[in-house]
Amino acid sequence: NETKLQRVIDNNLTNAIKYTKNGESIRVGVGSNLDECTFWVESHSQKIEDVDKIFEAYYRERKKTDGFGLGLSLVKSICDEEGVSIRIDSTVEYTRFEYQFPKKGHI
């Protein structure tokens, strides 16, 4: 459903804007193959220390940034409902969120 897809994209772009280091760029991409469509957001931000916890409601690694810690919890819920897989790579140099949408079902 279009609203769910908008929520996933909006939350990721908002987080990238919030957490990207000053003066650094944000990269966004899409792609597809026979089985799935991929959407990704990559930015130069601090390393996410606990990738598994960031999807928990109210969890925030950096308390001085605005927000309640609910956005990624909602994104995870949407992805679980729609069969979308999530991959996160986070290093000291960049953080990348990648979503793989199956082509058989439409979100």
PDB file of N, CA and C in Angstrom:
ATOM      1  N   ASN A   1       0.834  -1.171   0.000  1.00  0.00           N
ATOM      2  CA  ASN A   1       0.000   0.000   0.000  1.00  0.00           C
ATOM      3  C   ASN A   1       0.880   1.236   0.000  1.00  0.00           C
ATOM      4  N   GLU A   2       0.439   2.230  -0.695  1.00  0.00           N
ATOM      5  CA  GLU A   2       1.230   3.445  -0.921  1.00  0.00           C
ATOM      6  C   GLU A   2       1.581   4.172   0.374  1.00  0.00           C
ATOM      7  N   THR A   3       0.654   4.223   1.313  1.00  0.00           N
ATOM      8  CA  THR A   3       0.890   4.921   2.579  1.00  0.00           C
ATOM      9  C   THR A   3       2.015   4.258   3.365  1.00  0.00           C
ATOM     10  N   LYS A   4       2.041   2.942   3.381  1.00  0.00           N
ATOM     11  CA  LYS A   4       3.104   2.218   4.086  1.00  0.00           C
ATOM     12  C   LYS A   4       4.458   2.478   3.438  1.00  0.00           C
ATOM     13  N   LEU A   5       4.503   2.448   2.121  1.00  0.00           N
ATOM     14  CA  LEU A   5       5.747   2.714   1.411  1.00  0.00           C
ATOM     15  C   LEU A   5       6.234   4.131   1.701  1.00  0.00           C
ATOM     16  N   GLN A   6       5.326   5.086   1.696  1.00  0.00           N
ATOM     17  CA  GLN A   6       5.693   6.468   2.020  1.00  0.00           C
ATOM     18  C   GLN A   6       6.265   6.565   3.423  1.00  0.00           C
ATOM     19  N   ARG A   7       5.696   5.847   4.366  1.00  0.00           N
ATOM     20  CA  ARG A   7       6.173   5.869   5.753  1.00  0.00           C
ATOM     21  C   ARG A   7       7.607   5.350   5.843  1.00  0.00           C
ATOM     22  N   VAL A   8       7.901   4.248   5.153  1.00  0.00           N
ATOM     23  CA  VAL A   8       9.249   3.671   5.163  1.00  0.00           C
ATOM     24  C   VAL A   8      10.248   4.659   4.570  1.00  0.00           C
ATOM     25  N   ILE A   9       9.922   5.222   3.422  1.00  0.00           N
ATOM     26  CA  ILE A   9      10.830   6.158   2.756  1.00  0.00           C
ATOM     27  C   ILE A   9      10.994   7.432   3.575  1.00  0.00           C
ATOM     28  N   ASP A  10       9.888   7.999   4.039  1.00  0.00           N
ATOM     29  CA  ASP A  10       9.939   9.241   4.812  1.00  0.00           C
ATOM     30  C   ASP A  10      10.770   9.083   6.080  1.00  0.00           C
ATOM     31  N   ASN A  11      10.568   8.005   6.800  1.00  0.00           N
ATOM     32  CA  ASN A  11      11.318   7.810   8.039  1.00  0.00           C
ATOM     33  C   ASN A  11      12.809   7.689   7.773  1.00  0.00           C
ATOM     34  N   ASN A  12      13.173   6.969   6.729  1.00  0.00           N
ATOM     35  CA  ASN A  12      14.589   6.800   6.429  1.00  0.00           C
ATOM     36  C   ASN A  12      15.243   8.097   5.985  1.00  0.00           C
ATOM     37  N   LEU A  13      14.551   8.864   5.167  1.00  0.00           N
ATOM     38  CA  LEU A  13      15.115  10.149   4.742  1.00  0.00           C
ATOM     39  C   LEU A  13      15.205  11.126   5.912  1.00  0.00           C
ATOM     40  N   THR A  14      14.182  11.153   6.756  1.00  0.00           N
ATOM     41  CA  THR A  14      14.199  12.029   7.929  1.00  0.00           C
ATOM     42  C   THR A  14      15.355  11.665   8.856  1.00  0.00           C
ATOM     43  N   ASN A  15      15.544  10.377   9.111  1.00  0.00           N
ATOM     44  CA  ASN A  15      16.654   9.955   9.967  1.00  0.00           C
ATOM     45  C   ASN A  15      18.001  10.282   9.342  1.00  0.00           C
ATOM     46  N   ALA A  16      18.123  10.097   8.047  1.00  0.00           N
ATOM     47  CA  ALA A  16      19.388  10.431   7.385  1.00  0.00           C
ATOM     48  C   ALA A  16      19.694  11.918   7.537  1.00  0.00           C
ATOM     49  N   ILE A  17      18.690  12.749   7.376  1.00  0.00           N
ATOM     50  CA  ILE A  17      18.884  14.194   7.535  1.00  0.00           C
ATOM     51  C   ILE A  17      19.279  14.517   8.977  1.00  0.00           C
ATOM     52  N   LYS A  18      18.628  13.904   9.946  1.00  0.00           N
ATOM     53  CA  LYS A  18      18.916  14.156  11.365  1.00  0.00           C
ATOM     54  C   LYS A  18      20.325  13.742  11.761  1.00  0.00           C
ATOM     55  N   TYR A  19      20.771  12.586  11.286  1.00  0.00           N
ATOM     56  CA  TYR A  19      21.987  11.981  11.814  1.00  0.00           C
ATOM     57  C   TYR A  19      23.222  12.126  10.929  1.00  0.00           C
ATOM     58  N   THR A  20      23.085  12.634   9.716  1.00  0.00           N
ATOM     59  CA  THR A  20      24.249  12.813   8.858  1.00  0.00           C
ATOM     60  C   THR A  20      25.125  13.931   9.399  1.00  0.00           C
ATOM     61  N   LYS A  21      26.426  13.697   9.375  1.00  0.00           N
ATOM     62  CA  LYS A  21      27.376  14.697   9.858  1.00  0.00           C
ATOM     63  C   LYS A  21      27.287  15.948   8.993  1.00  0.00           C
ATOM     64  N   ASN A  22      27.487  17.106   9.612  1.00  0.00           N
ATOM     65  CA  ASN A  22      27.425  18.387   8.892  1.00  0.00           C
ATOM     66  C   ASN A  22      28.353  18.389   7.686  1.00  0.00           C
ATOM     67  N   GLY A  23      27.834  18.872   6.571  1.00  0.00           N
ATOM     68  CA  GLY A  23      28.624  18.986   5.353  1.00  0.00           C
ATOM     69  C   GLY A  23      28.743  17.709   4.547  1.00  0.00           C
ATOM     70  N   GLU A  24      28.193  16.624   5.036  1.00  0.00           N
ATOM     71  CA  GLU A  24      28.277  15.345   4.329  1.00  0.00           C
ATOM     72  C   GLU A  24      27.011  15.107   3.505  1.00  0.00           C
ATOM     73  N   SER A  25      27.120  14.225   2.541  1.00  0.00           N
ATOM     74  CA  SER A  25      25.989  13.975   1.640  1.00  0.00           C
ATOM     75  C   SER A  25      25.190  12.742   2.070  1.00  0.00           C
ATOM     76  N   ILE A  26      23.987  12.677   1.539  1.00  0.00           N
ATOM     77  CA  ILE A  26      23.099  11.528   1.712  1.00  0.00           C
ATOM     78  C   ILE A  26      22.882  10.938   0.326  1.00  0.00           C
ATOM     79  N   ARG A  27      23.050   9.637   0.213  1.00  0.00           N
ATOM     80  CA  ARG A  27      22.833   8.962  -1.066  1.00  0.00           C
ATOM     81  C   ARG A  27      21.594   8.088  -0.963  1.00  0.00           C
ATOM     82  N   VAL A  28      20.799   8.091  -2.017  1.00  0.00           N
ATOM     83  CA  VAL A  28      19.573   7.295  -2.075  1.00  0.00           C
ATOM     84  C   VAL A  28      19.588   6.526  -3.388  1.00  0.00           C
ATOM     85  N   GLY A  29      19.151   5.283  -3.346  1.00  0.00           N
ATOM     86  CA  GLY A  29      19.129   4.509  -4.576  1.00  0.00           C
ATOM     87  C   GLY A  29      17.984   3.515  -4.614  1.00  0.00           C
ATOM     88  N   VAL A  30      17.664   3.098  -5.820  1.00  0.00           N
ATOM     89  CA  VAL A  30      16.671   2.049  -6.047  1.00  0.00           C
ATOM     90  C   VAL A  30      17.211   1.107  -7.109  1.00  0.00           C
ATOM     91  N   GLY A  31      16.748  -0.109  -7.076  1.00  0.00           N
ATOM     92  CA  GLY A  31      17.154  -1.082  -8.073  1.00  0.00           C
ATOM     93  C   GLY A  31      16.163  -2.227  -8.078  1.00  0.00           C
ATOM     94  N   SER A  32      16.310  -3.112  -9.041  1.00  0.00           N
ATOM     95  CA  SER A  32      15.428  -4.279  -9.063  1.00  0.00           C
ATOM     96  C   SER A  32      16.078  -5.407  -9.838  1.00  0.00           C
ATOM     97  N   ASN A  33      15.615  -6.600  -9.537  1.00  0.00           N
ATOM     98  CA  ASN A  33      15.964  -7.781 -10.316  1.00  0.00           C
ATOM     99  C   ASN A  33      14.665  -8.560 -10.532  1.00  0.00           C
ATOM    100  N   LEU A  34      14.753  -9.796 -10.918  1.00  0.00           N
ATOM    101  CA  LEU A  34      13.537 -10.565 -11.216  1.00  0.00           C
ATOM    102  C   LEU A  34      12.639 -10.763 -10.001  1.00  0.00           C
ATOM    103  N   ASP A  35      13.238 -10.857  -8.818  1.00  0.00           N
ATOM    104  CA  ASP A  35      12.474 -11.226  -7.629  1.00  0.00           C
ATOM    105  C   ASP A  35      12.099 -10.078  -6.708  1.00  0.00           C
ATOM    106  N   GLU A  36      12.877  -8.988  -6.732  1.00  0.00           N
ATOM    107  CA  GLU A  36      12.658  -7.945  -5.735  1.00  0.00           C
ATOM    108  C   GLU A  36      13.072  -6.565  -6.229  1.00  0.00           C
ATOM    109  N   CYS A  37      12.544  -5.571  -5.538  1.00  0.00           N
ATOM    110  CA  CYS A  37      12.953  -4.181  -5.731  1.00  0.00           C
ATOM    111  C   CYS A  37      13.699  -3.762  -4.467  1.00  0.00           C
ATOM    112  N   THR A  38      14.735  -2.968  -4.640  1.00  0.00           N
ATOM    113  CA  THR A  38      15.553  -2.534  -3.515  1.00  0.00           C
ATOM    114  C   THR A  38      15.532  -1.023  -3.403  1.00  0.00           C
ATOM    115  N   PHE A  39      15.416  -0.536  -2.181  1.00  0.00           N
ATOM    116  CA  PHE A  39      15.506   0.888  -1.858  1.00  0.00           C
ATOM    117  C   PHE A  39      16.555   1.018  -0.767  1.00  0.00           C
ATOM    118  N   TRP A  40      17.488   1.968  -0.920  1.00  0.00           N
ATOM    119  CA  TRP A  40      18.504   2.151   0.108  1.00  0.00           C
ATOM    120  C   TRP A  40      18.819   3.621   0.342  1.00  0.00           C
ATOM    121  N   VAL A  41      19.247   3.899   1.568  1.00  0.00           N
ATOM    122  CA  VAL A  41      19.677   5.236   1.979  1.00  0.00           C
ATOM    123  C   VAL A  41      21.013   5.063   2.683  1.00  0.00           C
ATOM    124  N   GLU A  42      21.987   5.856   2.266  1.00  0.00           N
ATOM    125  CA  GLU A  42      23.330   5.775   2.844  1.00  0.00           C
ATOM    126  C   GLU A  42      23.798   7.170   3.216  1.00  0.00           C
ATOM    127  N   SER A  43      24.381   7.302   4.403  1.00  0.00           N
ATOM    128  CA  SER A  43      24.856   8.609   4.845  1.00  0.00           C
ATOM    129  C   SER A  43      26.113   8.461   5.688  1.00  0.00           C
ATOM    130  N   HIS A  44      26.835   9.554   5.793  1.00  0.00           N
ATOM    131  CA  HIS A  44      28.020   9.613   6.645  1.00  0.00           C
ATOM    132  C   HIS A  44      27.558  10.075   8.020  1.00  0.00           C
ATOM    133  N   SER A  45      27.411   9.112   8.915  1.00  0.00           N
ATOM    134  CA  SER A  45      26.920   9.401  10.260  1.00  0.00           C
ATOM    135  C   SER A  45      27.721   8.567  11.250  1.00  0.00           C
ATOM    136  N   GLN A  46      27.433   8.744  12.522  1.00  0.00           N
ATOM    137  CA  GLN A  46      28.103   7.928  13.527  1.00  0.00           C
ATOM    138  C   GLN A  46      27.656   6.483  13.387  1.00  0.00           C
ATOM    139  N   LYS A  47      28.536   5.581  13.784  1.00  0.00           N
ATOM    140  CA  LYS A  47      28.216   4.160  13.740  1.00  0.00           C
ATOM    141  C   LYS A  47      27.060   3.859  14.694  1.00  0.00           C
ATOM    142  N   ILE A  48      26.125   3.046  14.239  1.00  0.00           N
ATOM    143  CA  ILE A  48      25.050   2.565  15.103  1.00  0.00           C
ATOM    144  C   ILE A  48      25.644   1.439  15.944  1.00  0.00           C
ATOM    145  N   GLU A  49      25.648   1.622  17.239  1.00  0.00           N
ATOM    146  CA  GLU A  49      26.296   0.663  18.133  1.00  0.00           C
ATOM    147  C   GLU A  49      25.509  -0.632  18.284  1.00  0.00           C
ATOM    148  N   ASP A  50      24.204  -0.554  18.339  1.00  0.00           N
ATOM    149  CA  ASP A  50      23.390  -1.752  18.549  1.00  0.00           C
ATOM    150  C   ASP A  50      22.296  -1.819  17.483  1.00  0.00           C
ATOM    151  N   VAL A  51      22.642  -2.379  16.344  1.00  0.00           N
ATOM    152  CA  VAL A  51      21.737  -2.432  15.192  1.00  0.00           C
ATOM    153  C   VAL A  51      20.437  -3.164  15.527  1.00  0.00           C
ATOM    154  N   ASP A  52      20.493  -4.185  16.359  1.00  0.00           N
ATOM    155  CA  ASP A  52      19.282  -4.941  16.700  1.00  0.00           C
ATOM    156  C   ASP A  52      18.309  -4.122  17.536  1.00  0.00           C
ATOM    157  N   LYS A  53      18.813  -3.242  18.385  1.00  0.00           N
ATOM    158  CA  LYS A  53      17.944  -2.474  19.284  1.00  0.00           C
ATOM    159  C   LYS A  53      17.266  -1.286  18.615  1.00  0.00           C
ATOM    160  N   ILE A  54      17.797  -0.807  17.495  1.00  0.00           N
ATOM    161  CA  ILE A  54      17.238   0.425  16.923  1.00  0.00           C
ATOM    162  C   ILE A  54      15.800   0.271  16.449  1.00  0.00           C
ATOM    163  N   PHE A  55      15.327  -0.950  16.300  1.00  0.00           N
ATOM    164  CA  PHE A  55      13.942  -1.174  15.887  1.00  0.00           C
ATOM    165  C   PHE A  55      12.984  -1.310  17.076  1.00  0.00           C
ATOM    166  N   GLU A  56      13.519  -1.254  18.292  1.00  0.00           N
ATOM    167  CA  GLU A  56      12.671  -1.327  19.478  1.00  0.00           C
ATOM    168  C   GLU A  56      12.000   0.024  19.712  1.00  0.00           C
ATOM    169  N   ALA A  57      10.736  -0.010  20.101  1.00  0.00           N
ATOM    170  CA  ALA A  57      10.007   1.232  20.386  1.00  0.00           C
ATOM    171  C   ALA A  57      10.705   2.008  21.498  1.00  0.00           C
ATOM    172  N   TYR A  58      10.830   3.295  21.305  1.00  0.00           N
ATOM    173  CA  TYR A  58      11.408   4.264  22.242  1.00  0.00           C
ATOM    174  C   TYR A  58      12.923   4.177  22.387  1.00  0.00           C
ATOM    175  N   TYR A  59      13.582   3.275  21.665  1.00  0.00           N
ATOM    176  CA  TYR A  59      15.040   3.188  21.757  1.00  0.00           C
ATOM    177  C   TYR A  59      15.673   4.293  20.925  1.00  0.00           C
ATOM    178  N   ARG A  60      16.621   5.000  21.517  1.00  0.00           N
ATOM    179  CA  ARG A  60      17.379   6.038  20.809  1.00  0.00           C
ATOM    180  C   ARG A  60      18.819   5.970  21.276  1.00  0.00           C
ATOM    181  N   GLU A  61      19.754   5.897  20.344  1.00  0.00           N
ATOM    182  CA  GLU A  61      21.166   5.869  20.720  1.00  0.00           C
ATOM    183  C   GLU A  61      21.667   7.245  21.118  1.00  0.00           C
ATOM    184  N   ARG A  62      21.137   8.272  20.479  1.00  0.00           N
ATOM    185  CA  ARG A  62      21.596   9.640  20.756  1.00  0.00           C
ATOM    186  C   ARG A  62      20.433  10.451  21.301  1.00  0.00           C
ATOM    187  N   LYS A  63      20.445  10.657  22.584  1.00  0.00           N
ATOM    188  CA  LYS A  63      19.326  11.327  23.257  1.00  0.00           C
ATOM    189  C   LYS A  63      19.219  12.805  22.919  1.00  0.00           C
ATOM    190  N   LYS A  64      20.297  13.415  22.440  1.00  0.00           N
ATOM    191  CA  LYS A  64      20.230  14.856  22.169  1.00  0.00           C
ATOM    192  C   LYS A  64      19.591  15.189  20.821  1.00  0.00           C
ATOM    193  N   THR A  65      19.254  14.190  20.031  1.00  0.00           N
ATOM    194  CA  THR A  65      18.562  14.409  18.765  1.00  0.00           C
ATOM    195  C   THR A  65      17.058  14.321  19.006  1.00  0.00           C
ATOM    196  N   ASP A  66      16.305  15.222  18.368  1.00  0.00           N
ATOM    197  CA  ASP A  66      14.847  15.230  18.532  1.00  0.00           C
ATOM    198  C   ASP A  66      14.228  13.906  18.090  1.00  0.00           C
ATOM    199  N   GLY A  67      13.120  13.569  18.715  1.00  0.00           N
ATOM    200  CA  GLY A  67      12.370  12.377  18.342  1.00  0.00           C
ATOM    201  C   GLY A  67      12.013  11.552  19.556  1.00  0.00           C
ATOM    202  N   PHE A  68      11.146  10.569  19.331  1.00  0.00           N
ATOM    203  CA  PHE A  68      10.675   9.712  20.418  1.00  0.00           C
ATOM    204  C   PHE A  68      11.182   8.279  20.301  1.00  0.00           C
ATOM    205  N   GLY A  69      11.832   7.936  19.204  1.00  0.00           N
ATOM    206  CA  GLY A  69      12.308   6.575  19.032  1.00  0.00           C
ATOM    207  C   GLY A  69      11.235   5.613  18.557  1.00  0.00           C
ATOM    208  N   LEU A  70      10.254   6.126  17.838  1.00  0.00           N
ATOM    209  CA  LEU A  70       9.165   5.270  17.355  1.00  0.00           C
ATOM    210  C   LEU A  70       9.224   4.994  15.857  1.00  0.00           C
ATOM    211  N   GLY A  71       9.923   5.815  15.101  1.00  0.00           N
ATOM    212  CA  GLY A  71       9.910   5.720  13.644  1.00  0.00           C
ATOM    213  C   GLY A  71      10.383   4.388  13.106  1.00  0.00           C
ATOM    214  N   LEU A  72      11.553   3.929  13.554  1.00  0.00           N
ATOM    215  CA  LEU A  72      12.070   2.669  13.037  1.00  0.00           C
ATOM    216  C   LEU A  72      11.282   1.469  13.548  1.00  0.00           C
ATOM    217  N   SER A  73      10.675   1.601  14.708  1.00  0.00           N
ATOM    218  CA  SER A  73       9.798   0.541  15.202  1.00  0.00           C
ATOM    219  C   SER A  73       8.600   0.380  14.265  1.00  0.00           C
ATOM    220  N   LEU A  74       8.038   1.496  13.843  1.00  0.00           N
ATOM    221  CA  LEU A  74       6.919   1.464  12.897  1.00  0.00           C
ATOM    222  C   LEU A  74       7.367   0.913  11.543  1.00  0.00           C
ATOM    223  N   VAL A  75       8.529   1.342  11.074  1.00  0.00           N
ATOM    224  CA  VAL A  75       9.070   0.839   9.804  1.00  0.00           C
ATOM    225  C   VAL A  75       9.237  -0.679   9.869  1.00  0.00           C
ATOM    226  N   LYS A  76       9.801  -1.184  10.955  1.00  0.00           N
ATOM    227  CA  LYS A  76      10.008  -2.627  11.110  1.00  0.00           C
ATOM    228  C   LYS A  76       8.675  -3.370  11.096  1.00  0.00           C
ATOM    229  N   SER A  77       7.681  -2.814  11.757  1.00  0.00           N
ATOM    230  CA  SER A  77       6.354  -3.427  11.782  1.00  0.00           C
ATOM    231  C   SER A  77       5.768  -3.513  10.372  1.00  0.00           C
ATOM    232  N   ILE A  78       5.884  -2.432   9.613  1.00  0.00           N
ATOM    233  CA  ILE A  78       5.399  -2.418   8.226  1.00  0.00           C
ATOM    234  C   ILE A  78       6.137  -3.463   7.398  1.00  0.00           C
ATOM    235  N   CYS A  79       7.455  -3.495   7.536  1.00  0.00           N
ATOM    236  CA  CYS A  79       8.254  -4.436   6.748  1.00  0.00           C
ATOM    237  C   CYS A  79       7.915  -5.882   7.099  1.00  0.00           C
ATOM    238  N   ASP A  80       7.714  -6.160   8.384  1.00  0.00           N
ATOM    239  CA  ASP A  80       7.323  -7.514   8.789  1.00  0.00           C
ATOM    240  C   ASP A  80       5.971  -7.901   8.189  1.00  0.00           C
ATOM    241  N   GLU A  81       5.010  -6.983   8.209  1.00  0.00           N
ATOM    242  CA  GLU A  81       3.678  -7.249   7.652  1.00  0.00           C
ATOM    243  C   GLU A  81       3.730  -7.537   6.157  1.00  0.00           C
ATOM    244  N   GLU A  82       4.616  -6.846   5.454  1.00  0.00           N
ATOM    245  CA  GLU A  82       4.644  -6.913   3.993  1.00  0.00           C
ATOM    246  C   GLU A  82       5.724  -7.836   3.430  1.00  0.00           C
ATOM    247  N   GLY A  83       6.488  -8.501   4.296  1.00  0.00           N
ATOM    248  CA  GLY A  83       7.525  -9.412   3.826  1.00  0.00           C
ATOM    249  C   GLY A  83       8.741  -8.714   3.248  1.00  0.00           C
ATOM    250  N   VAL A  84       9.009  -7.507   3.712  1.00  0.00           N
ATOM    251  CA  VAL A  84      10.154  -6.720   3.247  1.00  0.00           C
ATOM    252  C   VAL A  84      11.342  -7.014   4.155  1.00  0.00           C
ATOM    253  N   SER A  85      12.478  -7.367   3.560  1.00  0.00           N
ATOM    254  CA  SER A  85      13.662  -7.619   4.382  1.00  0.00           C
ATOM    255  C   SER A  85      14.469  -6.330   4.539  1.00  0.00           C
ATOM    256  N   ILE A  86      15.122  -6.214   5.691  1.00  0.00           N
ATOM    257  CA  ILE A  86      15.903  -5.025   6.027  1.00  0.00           C
ATOM    258  C   ILE A  86      17.344  -5.451   6.265  1.00  0.00           C
ATOM    259  N   ARG A  87      18.255  -4.688   5.706  1.00  0.00           N
ATOM    260  CA  ARG A  87      19.684  -4.922   5.935  1.00  0.00           C
ATOM    261  C   ARG A  87      20.305  -3.599   6.347  1.00  0.00           C
ATOM    262  N   ILE A  88      21.105  -3.623   7.395  1.00  0.00           N
ATOM    263  CA  ILE A  88      21.774  -2.409   7.861  1.00  0.00           C
ATOM    264  C   ILE A  88      23.270  -2.669   7.916  1.00  0.00           C
ATOM    265  N   ASP A  89      24.030  -1.779   7.315  1.00  0.00           N
ATOM    266  CA  ASP A  89      25.482  -1.764   7.453  1.00  0.00           C
ATOM    267  C   ASP A  89      25.830  -0.454   8.127  1.00  0.00           C
ATOM    268  N   SER A  90      26.564  -0.521   9.229  1.00  0.00           N
ATOM    269  CA  SER A  90      26.949   0.702   9.916  1.00  0.00           C
ATOM    270  C   SER A  90      28.394   0.581  10.373  1.00  0.00           C
ATOM    271  N   THR A  91      29.213   1.495   9.895  1.00  0.00           N
ATOM    272  CA  THR A  91      30.629   1.535  10.253  1.00  0.00           C
ATOM    273  C   THR A  91      30.944   2.946  10.745  1.00  0.00           C
ATOM    274  N   VAL A  92      32.191   3.185  11.072  1.00  0.00           N
ATOM    275  CA  VAL A  92      32.581   4.538  11.488  1.00  0.00           C
ATOM    276  C   VAL A  92      32.531   5.509  10.315  1.00  0.00           C
ATOM    277  N   GLU A  93      32.470   4.998   9.088  1.00  0.00           N
ATOM    278  CA  GLU A  93      32.465   5.854   7.905  1.00  0.00           C
ATOM    279  C   GLU A  93      31.071   6.136   7.351  1.00  0.00           C
ATOM    280  N   TYR A  94      30.170   5.179   7.434  1.00  0.00           N
ATOM    281  CA  TYR A  94      28.842   5.377   6.846  1.00  0.00           C
ATOM    282  C   TYR A  94      27.823   4.445   7.500  1.00  0.00           C
ATOM    283  N   THR A  95      26.556   4.768   7.283  1.00  0.00           N
ATOM    284  CA  THR A  95      25.453   3.887   7.663  1.00  0.00           C
ATOM    285  C   THR A  95      24.544   3.737   6.453  1.00  0.00           C
ATOM    286  N   ARG A  96      24.158   2.503   6.192  1.00  0.00           N
ATOM    287  CA  ARG A  96      23.299   2.215   5.039  1.00  0.00           C
ATOM    288  C   ARG A  96      22.128   1.341   5.483  1.00  0.00           C
ATOM    289  N   PHE A  97      20.923   1.806   5.170  1.00  0.00           N
ATOM    290  CA  PHE A  97      19.701   1.032   5.371  1.00  0.00           C
ATOM    291  C   PHE A  97      19.238   0.568   3.999  1.00  0.00           C
ATOM    292  N   GLU A  98      18.999  -0.734   3.855  1.00  0.00           N
ATOM    293  CA  GLU A  98      18.563  -1.287   2.574  1.00  0.00           C
ATOM    294  C   GLU A  98      17.308  -2.124   2.800  1.00  0.00           C
ATOM    295  N   TYR A  99      16.317  -1.897   1.951  1.00  0.00           N
ATOM    296  CA  TYR A  99      15.032  -2.597   2.038  1.00  0.00           C
ATOM    297  C   TYR A  99      14.813  -3.361   0.746  1.00  0.00           C
ATOM    298  N   GLN A 100      14.483  -4.648   0.868  1.00  0.00           N
ATOM    299  CA  GLN A 100      14.232  -5.478  -0.300  1.00  0.00           C
ATOM    300  C   GLN A 100      12.760  -5.881  -0.305  1.00  0.00           C
ATOM    301  N   PHE A 101      12.050  -5.360  -1.306  1.00  0.00           N
ATOM    302  CA  PHE A 101      10.609  -5.566  -1.449  1.00  0.00           C
ATOM    303  C   PHE A 101      10.359  -6.703  -2.432  1.00  0.00           C
ATOM    304  N   PRO A 102       9.648  -7.751  -2.013  1.00  0.00           N
ATOM    305  CA  PRO A 102       9.346  -8.831  -2.959  1.00  0.00           C
ATOM    306  C   PRO A 102       8.406  -8.329  -4.055  1.00  0.00           C
ATOM    307  N   LYS A 103       8.638  -8.753  -5.278  1.00  0.00           N
ATOM    308  CA  LYS A 103       7.803  -8.297  -6.396  1.00  0.00           C
ATOM    309  C   LYS A 103       6.428  -8.954  -6.423  1.00  0.00           C
ATOM    310  N   LYS A 104       6.263 -10.089  -5.790  1.00  0.00           N
ATOM    311  CA  LYS A 104       4.973 -10.784  -5.846  1.00  0.00           C
ATOM    312  C   LYS A 104       3.895 -10.069  -5.055  1.00  0.00           C
ATOM    313  N   GLY A 105       4.245  -9.452  -3.959  1.00  0.00           N
ATOM    314  CA  GLY A 105       3.276  -8.693  -3.174  1.00  0.00           C
ATOM    315  C   GLY A 105       3.595  -7.216  -3.303  1.00  0.00           C
ATOM    316  N   HIS A 106       2.606  -6.395  -3.230  1.00  0.00           N
ATOM    317  CA  HIS A 106       2.831  -4.962  -3.348  1.00  0.00           C
ATOM    318  C   HIS A 106       2.606  -4.299  -2.007  1.00  0.00           C
ATOM    319  N   ILE A 107       3.565  -3.498  -1.592  1.00  0.00           N
ATOM    320  CA  ILE A 107       3.418  -2.762  -0.343  1.00  0.00           C
ATOM    321  C   ILE A 107       2.687  -1.474  -0.633  1.00  0.00           C
TER     322      ILE A 107
END
